[in-house]
Amino acid sequence: MVLSAHPSEVFLVQQVITPGAGHFLTIDAAVLHEYLSEHARAAGELQLRAFTNASQRLEEKLFELTQMIRPGPSTLEIQTAMVEFVGVMAGELLEESPGGSASIDADLRTAERLRECLHHDSSATMDLTTLAKQTGVSRFQALRTFKRRYGLPPHSYHLSLRLAHAQKALREGHQPVHVAAQYGFVDQSHLTRHFKRLLGVTPAQYARVGLRSRARLAKLS
């Protein structure tokens, strides 16, 4: 069940008498207005639809957002989840309002600038707000145009870049624990989890392969 209420609104719900648990996500009004403004929705003109059924997509985006509010995900991941949730919510729960769209050429140039920014700063501190400011667009535009051009959100692309740097460092003989710290992973286990998910091996296993490759090259030379 998803229940949305205006501030100070009084509402009744059915009493829950069976054991269970739930999660509440409260978004500060100023933060919500900031995100909605990127969808051409002025705070004073917002109007919730009287009745609507939450789609599976909206439920998924809400679940993804609640899962992000915990230690581990980067700021870029959390902001991306927020932008996606607000985007779907604005489309399903708010009354329609006219909005403009950028040209295809402008979107392509924006996506390329975003990609350049991600390559320039591969640290874990990069966030969607900074990325959008660097390219002169809103967070919603940054996320939409990047996904349309490259097929994945900026945080996934950014993670791949960091893992690529980590692979290079491991091949050069650096210890996994130092590599994790250098490229912004919470700890070595955090690096290992991403390594196994995307590459199928642990950093230590990958490093051993690199050592054997360097040894063979040394013999050949």
C-alpha atoms as a PDB file:
ATOM      1  CA  MET A   1       0.000   0.000   0.000  1.00  0.00           C
ATOM      2  CA  VAL A   2       1.203   3.513  -0.836  1.00  0.00           C
ATOM      3  CA  LEU A   3      -0.527   6.372   0.941  1.00  0.00           C
ATOM      4  CA  SER A   4       0.233   9.980   0.028  1.00  0.00           C
ATOM      5  CA  ALA A   5      -1.052  12.786   2.219  1.00  0.00           C
ATOM      6  CA  HIS A   6      -0.777  16.567   2.167  1.00  0.00           C
ATOM      7  CA  PRO A   7       0.913  18.204   5.206  1.00  0.00           C
ATOM      8  CA  SER A   8      -1.488  18.564   8.169  1.00  0.00           C
ATOM      9  CA  GLU A   9      -4.121  16.467   6.376  1.00  0.00           C
ATOM     10  CA  VAL A  10      -6.193  14.174   8.607  1.00  0.00           C
ATOM     11  CA  PHE A  11      -6.930  10.727   7.241  1.00  0.00           C
ATOM     12  CA  LEU A  12      -8.202   7.369   8.454  1.00  0.00           C
ATOM     13  CA  VAL A  13      -6.676   3.982   7.739  1.00  0.00           C
ATOM     14  CA  GLN A  14      -7.731   0.465   8.633  1.00  0.00           C
ATOM     15  CA  GLN A  15      -6.270  -0.778  11.904  1.00  0.00           C
ATOM     16  CA  VAL A  16      -3.526  -3.345  11.427  1.00  0.00           C
ATOM     17  CA  ILE A  17      -3.983  -6.240  13.834  1.00  0.00           C
ATOM     18  CA  THR A  18      -1.666  -8.808  12.266  1.00  0.00           C
ATOM     19  CA  PRO A  19       2.087  -8.991  12.943  1.00  0.00           C
ATOM     20  CA  GLY A  20       4.285  -7.348  10.355  1.00  0.00           C
ATOM     21  CA  ALA A  21       6.588  -4.467   9.570  1.00  0.00           C
ATOM     22  CA  GLY A  22       6.713  -1.528   7.239  1.00  0.00           C
ATOM     23  CA  HIS A  23       8.819   1.401   6.118  1.00  0.00           C
ATOM     24  CA  PHE A  24       7.918   5.085   6.019  1.00  0.00           C
ATOM     25  CA  LEU A  25       9.680   7.449   3.641  1.00  0.00           C
ATOM     26  CA  THR A  26       9.180  11.123   4.482  1.00  0.00           C
ATOM     27  CA  ILE A  27      10.486  13.640   1.955  1.00  0.00           C
ATOM     28  CA  ASP A  28      10.973  17.205   3.147  1.00  0.00           C
ATOM     29  CA  ALA A  29       8.637  19.579   1.303  1.00  0.00           C
ATOM     30  CA  ALA A  30      11.478  21.855   0.138  1.00  0.00           C
ATOM     31  CA  VAL A  31      13.381  18.877  -1.245  1.00  0.00           C
ATOM     32  CA  LEU A  32      10.299  17.562  -3.060  1.00  0.00           C
ATOM     33  CA  HIS A  33       9.592  20.974  -4.564  1.00  0.00           C
ATOM     34  CA  GLU A  34      13.191  21.213  -5.750  1.00  0.00           C
ATOM     35  CA  TYR A  35      12.980  17.873  -7.535  1.00  0.00           C
ATOM     36  CA  LEU A  36       9.524  18.561  -8.978  1.00  0.00           C
ATOM     37  CA  SER A  37      10.684  21.914 -10.368  1.00  0.00           C
ATOM     38  CA  GLU A  38      12.969  19.932 -12.670  1.00  0.00           C
ATOM     39  CA  HIS A  39       9.811  18.400 -14.170  1.00  0.00           C
ATOM     40  CA  ALA A  40       8.339  21.854 -14.868  1.00  0.00           C
ATOM     41  CA  ARG A  41       6.000  21.501 -11.888  1.00  0.00           C
ATOM     42  CA  ALA A  42       5.786  24.700  -9.829  1.00  0.00           C
ATOM     43  CA  ALA A  43       5.210  24.098  -6.113  1.00  0.00           C
ATOM     44  CA  GLY A  44       2.117  26.320  -5.997  1.00  0.00           C
ATOM     45  CA  GLU A  45       0.497  24.573  -8.961  1.00  0.00           C
ATOM     46  CA  LEU A  46       0.753  20.973  -7.797  1.00  0.00           C
ATOM     47  CA  GLN A  47      -2.470  19.018  -7.711  1.00  0.00           C
ATOM     48  CA  LEU A  48      -2.698  15.363  -6.767  1.00  0.00           C
ATOM     49  CA  ARG A  49      -5.154  13.231  -8.696  1.00  0.00           C
ATOM     50  CA  ALA A  50      -8.176  12.329  -6.598  1.00  0.00           C
ATOM     51  CA  PHE A  51      -7.785   8.591  -7.150  1.00  0.00           C
ATOM     52  CA  THR A  52      -5.095   6.532  -8.806  1.00  0.00           C
ATOM     53  CA  ASN A  53      -3.729   3.011  -8.687  1.00  0.00           C
ATOM     54  CA  ALA A  54       0.010   2.824  -8.223  1.00  0.00           C
ATOM     55  CA  SER A  55       1.594   0.988 -11.121  1.00  0.00           C
ATOM     56  CA  GLN A  56       4.162  -1.750 -10.691  1.00  0.00           C
ATOM     57  CA  ARG A  57       6.790   0.672 -11.997  1.00  0.00           C
ATOM     58  CA  LEU A  58       5.969   3.248  -9.303  1.00  0.00           C
ATOM     59  CA  GLU A  59       6.086   0.555  -6.626  1.00  0.00           C
ATOM     60  CA  GLU A  60       9.476  -0.610  -7.927  1.00  0.00           C
ATOM     61  CA  LYS A  61      10.922   2.912  -7.917  1.00  0.00           C
ATOM     62  CA  LEU A  62       9.655   3.535  -4.387  1.00  0.00           C
ATOM     63  CA  PHE A  63      11.151   0.228  -3.217  1.00  0.00           C
ATOM     64  CA  GLU A  64      14.471   1.036  -4.905  1.00  0.00           C
ATOM     65  CA  LEU A  65      14.568   4.423  -3.181  1.00  0.00           C
ATOM     66  CA  THR A  66      13.886   2.972   0.279  1.00  0.00           C
ATOM     67  CA  GLN A  67      16.593   0.351  -0.305  1.00  0.00           C
ATOM     68  CA  MET A  68      19.101   3.102  -1.087  1.00  0.00           C
ATOM     69  CA  ILE A  69      18.674   4.841   2.259  1.00  0.00           C
ATOM     70  CA  ARG A  70      21.324   2.774   4.022  1.00  0.00           C
ATOM     71  CA  PRO A  71      25.120   2.593   4.279  1.00  0.00           C
ATOM     72  CA  GLY A  72      26.861   1.548   1.068  1.00  0.00           C
ATOM     73  CA  PRO A  73      25.195   3.252  -1.935  1.00  0.00           C
ATOM     74  CA  SER A  74      26.937   6.383  -3.209  1.00  0.00           C
ATOM     75  CA  THR A  75      25.326   9.823  -3.204  1.00  0.00           C
ATOM     76  CA  LEU A  76      25.061   9.536  -6.985  1.00  0.00           C
ATOM     77  CA  GLU A  77      23.047   6.300  -6.636  1.00  0.00           C
ATOM     78  CA  ILE A  78      20.714   7.762  -3.975  1.00  0.00           C
ATOM     79  CA  GLN A  79      20.043  10.933  -5.974  1.00  0.00           C
ATOM     80  CA  THR A  80      19.418   8.886  -9.112  1.00  0.00           C
ATOM     81  CA  ALA A  81      16.849   6.759  -7.250  1.00  0.00           C
ATOM     82  CA  MET A  82      15.178   9.942  -5.985  1.00  0.00           C
ATOM     83  CA  VAL A  83      15.040  11.530  -9.447  1.00  0.00           C
ATOM     84  CA  GLU A  84      13.576   8.361 -10.976  1.00  0.00           C
ATOM     85  CA  PHE A  85      10.979   7.995  -8.218  1.00  0.00           C
ATOM     86  CA  VAL A  86       9.850  11.624  -8.466  1.00  0.00           C
ATOM     87  CA  GLY A  87       9.713  11.345 -12.262  1.00  0.00           C
ATOM     88  CA  VAL A  88       7.394   8.340 -12.171  1.00  0.00           C
ATOM     89  CA  MET A  89       5.375   9.818  -9.317  1.00  0.00           C
ATOM     90  CA  ALA A  90       4.884  13.100 -11.194  1.00  0.00           C
ATOM     91  CA  GLY A  91       3.613  11.183 -14.192  1.00  0.00           C
ATOM     92  CA  GLU A  92       1.175   9.009 -12.262  1.00  0.00           C
ATOM     93  CA  LEU A  93      -0.004  10.941  -9.217  1.00  0.00           C
ATOM     94  CA  LEU A  94      -0.138  14.542 -10.425  1.00  0.00           C
ATOM     95  CA  GLU A  95      -2.529  16.172 -12.837  1.00  0.00           C
ATOM     96  CA  GLU A  96      -1.068  16.664 -16.299  1.00  0.00           C
ATOM     97  CA  SER A  97       0.682  19.922 -17.148  1.00  0.00           C
ATOM     98  CA  PRO A  98       2.344  21.007 -20.379  1.00  0.00           C
ATOM     99  CA  GLY A  99       6.108  20.780 -20.617  1.00  0.00           C
ATOM    100  CA  GLY A 100       8.821  21.291 -23.226  1.00  0.00           C
ATOM    101  CA  SER A 101      11.408  18.884 -24.532  1.00  0.00           C
ATOM    102  CA  ALA A 102      14.977  19.453 -25.701  1.00  0.00           C
ATOM    103  CA  SER A 103      16.063  18.642 -29.205  1.00  0.00           C
ATOM    104  CA  ILE A 104      17.803  15.336 -29.951  1.00  0.00           C
ATOM    105  CA  ASP A 105      21.048  17.099 -30.846  1.00  0.00           C
ATOM    106  CA  ALA A 106      21.028  19.071 -27.595  1.00  0.00           C
ATOM    107  CA  ASP A 107      20.385  15.872 -25.623  1.00  0.00           C
ATOM    108  CA  LEU A 108      23.299  14.131 -27.327  1.00  0.00           C
ATOM    109  CA  ARG A 109      25.659  17.006 -26.544  1.00  0.00           C
ATOM    110  CA  THR A 110      24.463  17.031 -22.934  1.00  0.00           C
ATOM    111  CA  ALA A 111      25.016  13.270 -22.592  1.00  0.00           C
ATOM    112  CA  GLU A 112      28.531  13.578 -23.991  1.00  0.00           C
ATOM    113  CA  ARG A 113      29.366  16.417 -21.570  1.00  0.00           C
ATOM    114  CA  LEU A 114      28.049  14.319 -18.679  1.00  0.00           C
ATOM    115  CA  ARG A 115      30.231  11.407 -19.765  1.00  0.00           C
ATOM    116  CA  GLU A 116      33.285  13.673 -19.934  1.00  0.00           C
ATOM    117  CA  CYS A 117      32.588  14.909 -16.385  1.00  0.00           C
ATOM    118  CA  LEU A 118      32.360  11.332 -15.094  1.00  0.00           C
ATOM    119  CA  HIS A 119      35.694  10.462 -16.707  1.00  0.00           C
ATOM    120  CA  HIS A 120      37.276  13.623 -15.303  1.00  0.00           C
ATOM    121  CA  ASP A 121      36.191  12.855 -11.725  1.00  0.00           C
ATOM    122  CA  SER A 122      36.068   9.136 -10.957  1.00  0.00           C
ATOM    123  CA  SER A 123      35.905   9.643  -7.178  1.00  0.00           C
ATOM    124  CA  ALA A 124      33.060   8.216  -5.124  1.00  0.00           C
ATOM    125  CA  THR A 125      32.078  11.743  -4.015  1.00  0.00           C
ATOM    126  CA  MET A 126      30.639  12.644  -7.431  1.00  0.00           C
ATOM    127  CA  ASP A 127      26.888  13.238  -7.113  1.00  0.00           C
ATOM    128  CA  LEU A 128      24.036  13.955  -9.486  1.00  0.00           C
ATOM    129  CA  THR A 129      23.574  17.541  -8.311  1.00  0.00           C
ATOM    130  CA  THR A 130      27.204  18.420  -9.057  1.00  0.00           C
ATOM    131  CA  LEU A 131      27.073  16.571 -12.360  1.00  0.00           C
ATOM    132  CA  ALA A 132      23.971  18.496 -13.430  1.00  0.00           C
ATOM    133  CA  LYS A 133      25.484  21.864 -12.434  1.00  0.00           C
ATOM    134  CA  GLN A 134      28.673  21.137 -14.357  1.00  0.00           C
ATOM    135  CA  THR A 135      26.661  20.574 -17.533  1.00  0.00           C
ATOM    136  CA  GLY A 136      24.036  23.275 -17.000  1.00  0.00           C
ATOM    137  CA  VAL A 137      20.975  21.016 -16.853  1.00  0.00           C
ATOM    138  CA  SER A 138      18.613  19.730 -14.167  1.00  0.00           C
ATOM    139  CA  ARG A 139      19.173  16.401 -12.427  1.00  0.00           C
ATOM    140  CA  PHE A 140      16.157  14.985 -14.239  1.00  0.00           C
ATOM    141  CA  GLN A 141      17.561  16.080 -17.622  1.00  0.00           C
ATOM    142  CA  ALA A 142      20.997  14.713 -16.740  1.00  0.00           C
ATOM    143  CA  LEU A 143      19.595  11.319 -15.823  1.00  0.00           C
ATOM    144  CA  ARG A 144      17.169  11.117 -18.758  1.00  0.00           C
ATOM    145  CA  THR A 145      19.611  12.165 -21.476  1.00  0.00           C
ATOM    146  CA  PHE A 146      22.458   9.986 -20.173  1.00  0.00           C
ATOM    147  CA  LYS A 147      20.281   6.861 -19.985  1.00  0.00           C
ATOM    148  CA  ARG A 148      18.874   7.543 -23.446  1.00  0.00           C
ATOM    149  CA  ARG A 149      22.360   7.934 -24.957  1.00  0.00           C
ATOM    150  CA  TYR A 150      24.335   5.231 -23.125  1.00  0.00           C
ATOM    151  CA  GLY A 151      21.657   2.814 -21.951  1.00  0.00           C
ATOM    152  CA  LEU A 152      22.422   3.005 -18.213  1.00  0.00           C
ATOM    153  CA  PRO A 153      22.248   5.631 -15.442  1.00  0.00           C
ATOM    154  CA  PRO A 154      25.294   7.774 -14.581  1.00  0.00           C
ATOM    155  CA  HIS A 155      25.961   5.973 -11.289  1.00  0.00           C
ATOM    156  CA  SER A 156      26.245   2.582 -13.023  1.00  0.00           C
ATOM    157  CA  TYR A 157      28.601   4.035 -15.624  1.00  0.00           C
ATOM    158  CA  HIS A 158      30.589   5.743 -12.867  1.00  0.00           C
ATOM    159  CA  LEU A 159      30.871   2.495 -10.903  1.00  0.00           C
ATOM    160  CA  SER A 160      32.201   0.746 -14.011  1.00  0.00           C
ATOM    161  CA  LEU A 161      34.849   3.449 -14.340  1.00  0.00           C
ATOM    162  CA  ARG A 162      35.918   3.029 -10.716  1.00  0.00           C
ATOM    163  CA  LEU A 163      36.082  -0.745 -11.136  1.00  0.00           C
ATOM    164  CA  ALA A 164      38.194  -0.301 -14.271  1.00  0.00           C
ATOM    165  CA  HIS A 165      40.650   1.838 -12.295  1.00  0.00           C
ATOM    166  CA  ALA A 166      40.610  -0.777  -9.528  1.00  0.00           C
ATOM    167  CA  GLN A 167      41.380  -3.547 -12.038  1.00  0.00           C
ATOM    168  CA  LYS A 168      44.377  -1.613 -13.358  1.00  0.00           C
ATOM    169  CA  ALA A 169      45.681  -1.018  -9.826  1.00  0.00           C
ATOM    170  CA  LEU A 170      45.292  -4.702  -8.931  1.00  0.00           C
ATOM    171  CA  ARG A 171      47.133  -5.751 -12.095  1.00  0.00           C
ATOM    172  CA  GLU A 172      49.959  -3.435 -11.045  1.00  0.00           C
ATOM    173  CA  GLY A 173      50.283  -5.280  -7.748  1.00  0.00           C
ATOM    174  CA  HIS A 174      48.426  -3.007  -5.316  1.00  0.00           C
ATOM    175  CA  GLN A 175      46.685  -4.674  -2.371  1.00  0.00           C
ATOM    176  CA  PRO A 176      42.861  -4.950  -2.562  1.00  0.00           C
ATOM    177  CA  VAL A 177      42.372  -3.135   0.748  1.00  0.00           C
ATOM    178  CA  HIS A 178      44.352  -0.133  -0.532  1.00  0.00           C
ATOM    179  CA  VAL A 179      42.604  -0.206  -3.901  1.00  0.00           C
ATOM    180  CA  ALA A 180      39.188  -0.158  -2.182  1.00  0.00           C
ATOM    181  CA  ALA A 181      40.136   2.928  -0.177  1.00  0.00           C
ATOM    182  CA  GLN A 182      41.705   4.713  -3.147  1.00  0.00           C
ATOM    183  CA  TYR A 183      38.662   4.392  -5.398  1.00  0.00           C
ATOM    184  CA  GLY A 184      35.968   5.219  -2.888  1.00  0.00           C
ATOM    185  CA  PHE A 185      34.593   1.838  -1.826  1.00  0.00           C
ATOM    186  CA  VAL A 186      33.407   1.586   1.780  1.00  0.00           C
ATOM    187  CA  ASP A 187      35.838  -1.246   2.526  1.00  0.00           C
ATOM    188  CA  GLN A 188      37.398  -4.288   0.882  1.00  0.00           C
ATOM    189  CA  SER A 189      34.189  -6.324   1.191  1.00  0.00           C
ATOM    190  CA  HIS A 190      32.298  -3.573  -0.643  1.00  0.00           C
ATOM    191  CA  LEU A 191      34.816  -3.747  -3.497  1.00  0.00           C
ATOM    192  CA  THR A 192      34.635  -7.561  -3.465  1.00  0.00           C
ATOM    193  CA  ARG A 193      30.836  -7.547  -3.733  1.00  0.00           C
ATOM    194  CA  HIS A 194      30.890  -5.377  -6.856  1.00  0.00           C
ATOM    195  CA  PHE A 195      33.813  -7.309  -8.328  1.00  0.00           C
ATOM    196  CA  LYS A 196      32.064 -10.667  -7.965  1.00  0.00           C
ATOM    197  CA  ARG A 197      28.772  -9.292  -9.294  1.00  0.00           C
ATOM    198  CA  LEU A 198      30.251  -7.726 -12.422  1.00  0.00           C
ATOM    199  CA  LEU A 199      33.407  -9.769 -13.078  1.00  0.00           C
ATOM    200  CA  GLY A 200      32.672 -13.109 -11.433  1.00  0.00           C
ATOM    201  CA  VAL A 201      35.872 -13.177  -9.350  1.00  0.00           C
ATOM    202  CA  THR A 202      37.152 -11.553  -6.184  1.00  0.00           C
ATOM    203  CA  PRO A 203      39.773  -8.771  -6.272  1.00  0.00           C
ATOM    204  CA  ALA A 204      42.332 -11.181  -4.771  1.00  0.00           C
ATOM    205  CA  GLN A 205      41.665 -13.753  -7.505  1.00  0.00           C
ATOM    206  CA  TYR A 206      41.905 -11.074 -10.168  1.00  0.00           C
ATOM    207  CA  ALA A 207      45.183  -9.797  -8.690  1.00  0.00           C
ATOM    208  CA  ARG A 208      46.702 -13.322  -8.736  1.00  0.00           C
ATOM    209  CA  VAL A 209      45.892 -13.638 -12.440  1.00  0.00           C
ATOM    210  CA  GLY A 210      47.608 -10.313 -13.008  1.00  0.00           C
ATOM    211  CA  LEU A 211      50.702 -11.457 -11.138  1.00  0.00           C
ATOM    212  CA  ARG A 212      50.936 -14.629 -13.237  1.00  0.00           C
ATOM    213  CA  SER A 213      50.545 -12.608 -16.438  1.00  0.00           C
ATOM    214  CA  ARG A 214      53.339 -10.240 -15.427  1.00  0.00           C
ATOM    215  CA  ALA A 215      55.569 -13.185 -14.524  1.00  0.00           C
ATOM    216  CA  ARG A 216      55.028 -14.775 -17.960  1.00  0.00           C
ATOM    217  CA  LEU A 217      55.784 -11.482 -19.699  1.00  0.00           C
ATOM    218  CA  ALA A 218      58.931 -11.095 -17.626  1.00  0.00           C
ATOM    219  CA  LYS A 219      60.160 -14.545 -18.723  1.00  0.00           C
ATOM    220  CA  LEU A 220      59.459 -13.781 -22.365  1.00  0.00           C
ATOM    221  CA  SER A 221      61.404 -10.550 -22.177  1.00  0.00           C
END
